[in-house]
Amino acid sequence: MVCAMRNRIPELFLGLLSLAVAAVLTAHTVASTIHDARHTRDTVTVTGSARKPISADLVQWHLTVSREADEAAPAARRLRRDLAAVRAFLVGAGIPNGAVKPTVVSTEPLVQKLSRHRVKRTYRVAQGLDIETRKLDVVQTVSTRVGELIARGIDVYAESPAYISTELDRAKLDTL
């Protein structure tokens, strides 16, 4: 009987200890809830959104003109003529001459295998033209007419125009 009583004392002790720990945790949770409830009244939080229509006022457009030949020098000479024709086409369509800026000329050797022991080497010379202007409607119209240059035998690749709003920071401030 004394043995049975000794086994029950640790069980009783563990049960009372569990109740004490639960009471402490409950008191802590209630106290922190009351503390947080008081502080939510101290500040005001406002979230929302505003919309303001913006429009593009600048367009950036990139063209690449290239020429191929058996040697790099003749390809470069033909490229120079093609670039002059492309620039004349762009300026004639209404793009300001100062808005057309050439990029670096690149040369690429092209090797075509003809047979097991024979290869044909040619060269591609290319140069890009970066266009940046506020004449959005002119660039939109000209970008759809690049096929006219290709029909004239000029190897030209045109990327899609990028329309940009330069007043975005001001629009953000206006919506506040």
C-alpha atoms as a PDB file:
ATOM      1  CA  MET A   1       0.000   0.000   0.000  1.00  0.00           C
ATOM      2  CA  VAL A   2       2.871   2.320   0.707  1.00  0.00           C
ATOM      3  CA  CYS A   3       4.219   1.508  -2.798  1.00  0.00           C
ATOM      4  CA  ALA A   4       0.937   2.431  -4.444  1.00  0.00           C
ATOM      5  CA  MET A   5       0.904   5.746  -2.559  1.00  0.00           C
ATOM      6  CA  ARG A   6       4.468   6.545  -3.714  1.00  0.00           C
ATOM      7  CA  ASN A   7       3.491   5.987  -7.407  1.00  0.00           C
ATOM      8  CA  ARG A   8       0.455   8.309  -7.065  1.00  0.00           C
ATOM      9  CA  ILE A   9       2.443  11.229  -5.616  1.00  0.00           C
ATOM     10  CA  PRO A  10       4.503  11.845  -8.806  1.00  0.00           C
ATOM     11  CA  GLU A  11       1.333  11.557 -10.922  1.00  0.00           C
ATOM     12  CA  LEU A  12      -0.442  14.071  -8.698  1.00  0.00           C
ATOM     13  CA  PHE A  13       2.594  16.359  -8.776  1.00  0.00           C
ATOM     14  CA  LEU A  14       2.810  16.206 -12.608  1.00  0.00           C
ATOM     15  CA  GLY A  15      -0.903  16.960 -12.938  1.00  0.00           C
ATOM     16  CA  LEU A  16      -0.691  19.979 -10.626  1.00  0.00           C
ATOM     17  CA  LEU A  17       2.443  21.192 -12.433  1.00  0.00           C
ATOM     18  CA  SER A  18       0.636  20.953 -15.801  1.00  0.00           C
ATOM     19  CA  LEU A  19      -2.266  23.002 -14.446  1.00  0.00           C
ATOM     20  CA  ALA A  20       0.120  25.657 -13.115  1.00  0.00           C
ATOM     21  CA  VAL A  21       1.930  25.940 -16.474  1.00  0.00           C
ATOM     22  CA  ALA A  22      -1.410  26.211 -18.322  1.00  0.00           C
ATOM     23  CA  ALA A  23      -2.555  28.968 -15.935  1.00  0.00           C
ATOM     24  CA  VAL A  24       0.666  30.958 -16.517  1.00  0.00           C
ATOM     25  CA  LEU A  25       0.395  30.649 -20.323  1.00  0.00           C
ATOM     26  CA  THR A  26      -3.270  31.687 -20.272  1.00  0.00           C
ATOM     27  CA  ALA A  27      -2.492  34.720 -18.128  1.00  0.00           C
ATOM     28  CA  HIS A  28       0.331  35.721 -20.497  1.00  0.00           C
ATOM     29  CA  THR A  29      -1.925  35.409 -23.578  1.00  0.00           C
ATOM     30  CA  VAL A  30      -4.689  37.502 -21.997  1.00  0.00           C
ATOM     31  CA  ALA A  31      -2.217  40.168 -20.848  1.00  0.00           C
ATOM     32  CA  SER A  32      -0.599  40.485 -24.292  1.00  0.00           C
ATOM     33  CA  THR A  33      -4.015  40.726 -25.967  1.00  0.00           C
ATOM     34  CA  ILE A  34      -5.010  43.591 -23.677  1.00  0.00           C
ATOM     35  CA  HIS A  35      -1.623  45.269 -24.260  1.00  0.00           C
ATOM     36  CA  ASP A  36      -1.958  44.962 -28.084  1.00  0.00           C
ATOM     37  CA  ALA A  37      -5.562  46.191 -28.017  1.00  0.00           C
ATOM     38  CA  ARG A  38      -4.487  49.387 -26.273  1.00  0.00           C
ATOM     39  CA  HIS A  39      -1.728  50.056 -28.843  1.00  0.00           C
ATOM     40  CA  THR A  40      -3.937  49.604 -31.893  1.00  0.00           C
ATOM     41  CA  ARG A  41      -5.759  52.769 -30.863  1.00  0.00           C
ATOM     42  CA  ASP A  42      -2.498  54.764 -30.833  1.00  0.00           C
ATOM     43  CA  THR A  43      -1.944  54.861 -34.602  1.00  0.00           C
ATOM     44  CA  VAL A  44      -3.993  55.191 -37.748  1.00  0.00           C
ATOM     45  CA  THR A  45      -3.220  52.945 -40.695  1.00  0.00           C
ATOM     46  CA  VAL A  46      -4.537  53.936 -44.111  1.00  0.00           C
ATOM     47  CA  THR A  47      -4.149  51.784 -47.189  1.00  0.00           C
ATOM     48  CA  GLY A  48      -5.676  52.471 -50.548  1.00  0.00           C
ATOM     49  CA  SER A  49      -5.028  53.021 -54.181  1.00  0.00           C
ATOM     50  CA  ALA A  50      -5.345  55.789 -56.684  1.00  0.00           C
ATOM     51  CA  ARG A  51      -5.380  55.725 -60.440  1.00  0.00           C
ATOM     52  CA  LYS A  52      -4.214  58.359 -62.834  1.00  0.00           C
ATOM     53  CA  PRO A  53      -4.050  57.770 -66.559  1.00  0.00           C
ATOM     54  CA  ILE A  54      -0.615  58.283 -68.084  1.00  0.00           C
ATOM     55  CA  SER A  55       0.489  58.306 -71.673  1.00  0.00           C
ATOM     56  CA  ALA A  56       3.776  57.737 -73.416  1.00  0.00           C
ATOM     57  CA  ASP A  57       5.648  60.831 -74.548  1.00  0.00           C
ATOM     58  CA  LEU A  58       8.868  59.216 -75.817  1.00  0.00           C
ATOM     59  CA  VAL A  59       9.578  56.353 -78.193  1.00  0.00           C
ATOM     60  CA  GLN A  60      12.769  54.307 -78.521  1.00  0.00           C
ATOM     61  CA  TRP A  61      13.288  52.124 -81.570  1.00  0.00           C
ATOM     62  CA  HIS A  62      16.240  50.015 -82.721  1.00  0.00           C
ATOM     63  CA  LEU A  63      17.067  48.950 -86.288  1.00  0.00           C
ATOM     64  CA  THR A  64      19.959  46.785 -87.474  1.00  0.00           C
ATOM     65  CA  VAL A  65      21.264  46.978 -91.034  1.00  0.00           C
ATOM     66  CA  SER A  66      23.656  44.302 -92.292  1.00  0.00           C
ATOM     67  CA  ARG A  67      25.498  43.221 -95.442  1.00  0.00           C
ATOM     68  CA  GLU A  68      27.299  40.023 -96.416  1.00  0.00           C
ATOM     69  CA  ALA A  69      30.193  39.639 -98.868  1.00  0.00           C
ATOM     70  CA  ASP A  70      33.184  37.383 -99.554  1.00  0.00           C
ATOM     71  CA  GLU A  71      35.449  39.948 -97.866  1.00  0.00           C
ATOM     72  CA  ALA A  72      34.751  42.297 -94.953  1.00  0.00           C
ATOM     73  CA  ALA A  73      35.783  45.500 -96.772  1.00  0.00           C
ATOM     74  CA  PRO A  74      33.250  45.247 -99.635  1.00  0.00           C
ATOM     75  CA  ALA A  75      30.542  44.326 -97.108  1.00  0.00           C
ATOM     76  CA  ALA A  76      31.409  47.451 -95.091  1.00  0.00           C
ATOM     77  CA  ARG A  77      31.228  49.667 -98.205  1.00  0.00           C
ATOM     78  CA  ARG A  78      27.804  48.268 -99.156  1.00  0.00           C
ATOM     79  CA  LEU A  79      26.668  48.646 -95.556  1.00  0.00           C
ATOM     80  CA  ARG A  80      27.622  52.338 -95.614  1.00  0.00           C
ATOM     81  CA  ARG A  81      25.413  52.855 -98.708  1.00  0.00           C
ATOM     82  CA  ASP A  82      22.540  50.910 -97.128  1.00  0.00           C
ATOM     83  CA  LEU A  83      22.792  52.933 -93.912  1.00  0.00           C
ATOM     84  CA  ALA A  84      22.623  56.187 -95.892  1.00  0.00           C
ATOM     85  CA  ALA A  85      19.505  54.896 -97.667  1.00  0.00           C
ATOM     86  CA  VAL A  86      17.884  53.840 -94.374  1.00  0.00           C
ATOM     87  CA  ARG A  87      18.681  57.208 -92.756  1.00  0.00           C
ATOM     88  CA  ALA A  88      17.229  59.044 -95.784  1.00  0.00           C
ATOM     89  CA  PHE A  89      14.114  56.850 -95.554  1.00  0.00           C
ATOM     90  CA  LEU A  90      13.664  57.622 -91.837  1.00  0.00           C
ATOM     91  CA  VAL A  91      14.293  61.374 -92.155  1.00  0.00           C
ATOM     92  CA  GLY A  92      12.074  61.563 -95.240  1.00  0.00           C
ATOM     93  CA  ALA A  93       9.264  59.953 -93.226  1.00  0.00           C
ATOM     94  CA  GLY A  94       9.498  62.665 -90.555  1.00  0.00           C
ATOM     95  CA  ILE A  95      11.953  61.361 -87.967  1.00  0.00           C
ATOM     96  CA  PRO A  96      14.384  64.158 -87.005  1.00  0.00           C
ATOM     97  CA  ASN A  97      17.938  63.544 -88.232  1.00  0.00           C
ATOM     98  CA  GLY A  98      19.315  64.168 -84.721  1.00  0.00           C
ATOM     99  CA  ALA A  99      17.089  61.414 -83.314  1.00  0.00           C
ATOM    100  CA  VAL A 100      18.901  58.723 -85.358  1.00  0.00           C
ATOM    101  CA  LYS A 101      22.118  57.591 -83.663  1.00  0.00           C
ATOM    102  CA  PRO A 102      24.391  54.867 -85.095  1.00  0.00           C
ATOM    103  CA  THR A 103      25.809  52.156 -82.844  1.00  0.00           C
ATOM    104  CA  VAL A 104      29.089  50.219 -83.100  1.00  0.00           C
ATOM    105  CA  VAL A 105      29.836  48.338 -86.326  1.00  0.00           C
ATOM    106  CA  SER A 106      30.237  44.590 -85.889  1.00  0.00           C
ATOM    107  CA  THR A 107      31.870  42.031 -88.182  1.00  0.00           C
ATOM    108  CA  GLU A 108      31.124  38.327 -88.097  1.00  0.00           C
ATOM    109  CA  PRO A 109      32.868  35.656 -90.179  1.00  0.00           C
ATOM    110  CA  LEU A 110      30.445  33.060 -91.558  1.00  0.00           C
ATOM    111  CA  VAL A 111      31.803  29.617 -92.415  1.00  0.00           C
ATOM    112  CA  GLN A 112      29.731  27.259 -94.526  1.00  0.00           C
ATOM    113  CA  LYS A 113      30.919  23.674 -94.957  1.00  0.00           C
ATOM    114  CA  LEU A 114      30.657  22.686 -98.644  1.00  0.00           C
ATOM    115  CA  SER A 115      32.189  19.228 -98.470  1.00  0.00           C
ATOM    116  CA  ARG A 116      34.441  17.240 -96.207  1.00  0.00           C
ATOM    117  CA  HIS A 117      37.518  19.335 -97.039  1.00  0.00           C
ATOM    118  CA  ARG A 118      36.033  22.533 -98.472  1.00  0.00           C
ATOM    119  CA  VAL A 119      34.480  25.509 -96.713  1.00  0.00           C
ATOM    120  CA  LYS A 120      33.162  28.840 -97.932  1.00  0.00           C
ATOM    121  CA  ARG A 121      33.976  31.844 -95.766  1.00  0.00           C
ATOM    122  CA  THR A 122      31.935  35.057 -95.991  1.00  0.00           C
ATOM    123  CA  TYR A 123      31.615  38.067 -93.732  1.00  0.00           C
ATOM    124  CA  ARG A 124      28.592  39.805 -92.270  1.00  0.00           C
ATOM    125  CA  VAL A 125      29.051  43.445 -91.303  1.00  0.00           C
ATOM    126  CA  ALA A 126      26.252  45.069 -89.298  1.00  0.00           C
ATOM    127  CA  GLN A 127      25.458  48.353 -87.621  1.00  0.00           C
ATOM    128  CA  GLY A 128      22.501  49.396 -85.508  1.00  0.00           C
ATOM    129  CA  LEU A 129      20.559  52.619 -85.482  1.00  0.00           C
ATOM    130  CA  ASP A 130      19.011  53.804 -82.218  1.00  0.00           C
ATOM    131  CA  ILE A 131      16.081  56.173 -82.628  1.00  0.00           C
ATOM    132  CA  GLU A 132      14.735  58.232 -79.730  1.00  0.00           C
ATOM    133  CA  THR A 133      12.128  60.909 -80.343  1.00  0.00           C
ATOM    134  CA  ARG A 134       8.914  62.398 -79.021  1.00  0.00           C
ATOM    135  CA  LYS A 135       7.223  61.946 -82.424  1.00  0.00           C
ATOM    136  CA  LEU A 136       5.348  58.782 -81.464  1.00  0.00           C
ATOM    137  CA  ASP A 137       2.910  58.830 -84.371  1.00  0.00           C
ATOM    138  CA  VAL A 138       5.719  59.215 -86.937  1.00  0.00           C
ATOM    139  CA  VAL A 139       7.675  56.231 -85.553  1.00  0.00           C
ATOM    140  CA  GLN A 140       4.485  54.155 -85.413  1.00  0.00           C
ATOM    141  CA  THR A 141       3.850  54.838 -89.096  1.00  0.00           C
ATOM    142  CA  VAL A 142       7.460  54.338 -90.216  1.00  0.00           C
ATOM    143  CA  SER A 143       7.869  51.102 -88.240  1.00  0.00           C
ATOM    144  CA  THR A 144       5.132  49.498 -90.317  1.00  0.00           C
ATOM    145  CA  ARG A 145       6.844  50.530 -93.574  1.00  0.00           C
ATOM    146  CA  VAL A 146      10.229  48.822 -93.002  1.00  0.00           C
ATOM    147  CA  GLY A 147       9.202  46.240 -95.597  1.00  0.00           C
ATOM    148  CA  GLU A 148       9.787  48.910 -98.264  1.00  0.00           C
ATOM    149  CA  LEU A 149      13.501  48.870 -97.385  1.00  0.00           C
ATOM    150  CA  ILE A 150      13.612  45.077 -97.603  1.00  0.00           C
ATOM    151  CA  ALA A 151      11.909  45.253-101.016  1.00  0.00           C
ATOM    152  CA  ARG A 152      14.747  47.549-102.157  1.00  0.00           C
ATOM    153  CA  GLY A 153      17.303  44.866-101.236  1.00  0.00           C
ATOM    154  CA  ILE A 154      18.412  46.336 -97.907  1.00  0.00           C
ATOM    155  CA  ASP A 155      18.912  43.740 -95.160  1.00  0.00           C
ATOM    156  CA  VAL A 156      17.277  45.467 -92.203  1.00  0.00           C
ATOM    157  CA  TYR A 157      15.928  44.086 -88.932  1.00  0.00           C
ATOM    158  CA  ALA A 158      13.568  46.255 -86.881  1.00  0.00           C
ATOM    159  CA  GLU A 159      12.615  45.702 -83.265  1.00  0.00           C
ATOM    160  CA  SER A 160       9.237  46.811 -81.948  1.00  0.00           C
ATOM    161  CA  PRO A 161       9.168  50.425 -80.758  1.00  0.00           C
ATOM    162  CA  ALA A 162       9.244  50.949 -76.972  1.00  0.00           C
ATOM    163  CA  TYR A 163       6.854  53.643 -75.760  1.00  0.00           C
ATOM    164  CA  ILE A 164       7.942  55.364 -72.546  1.00  0.00           C
ATOM    165  CA  SER A 165       6.370  57.876 -70.174  1.00  0.00           C
ATOM    166  CA  THR A 166       8.976  60.286 -68.846  1.00  0.00           C
ATOM    167  CA  GLU A 167       6.480  61.916 -66.465  1.00  0.00           C
ATOM    168  CA  LEU A 168       5.940  58.804 -64.324  1.00  0.00           C
ATOM    169  CA  ASP A 169       7.484  60.256 -61.142  1.00  0.00           C
ATOM    170  CA  ARG A 170       5.307  63.356 -61.412  1.00  0.00           C
ATOM    171  CA  ALA A 171       2.207  61.222 -61.968  1.00  0.00           C
ATOM    172  CA  LYS A 172       2.993  59.229 -58.816  1.00  0.00           C
ATOM    173  CA  LEU A 173       3.207  62.413 -56.768  1.00  0.00           C
ATOM    174  CA  ASP A 174      -0.029  63.764 -58.288  1.00  0.00           C
ATOM    175  CA  THR A 175      -1.935  60.660 -57.173  1.00  0.00           C
ATOM    176  CA  LEU A 176      -1.006  61.286 -53.550  1.00  0.00           C
END
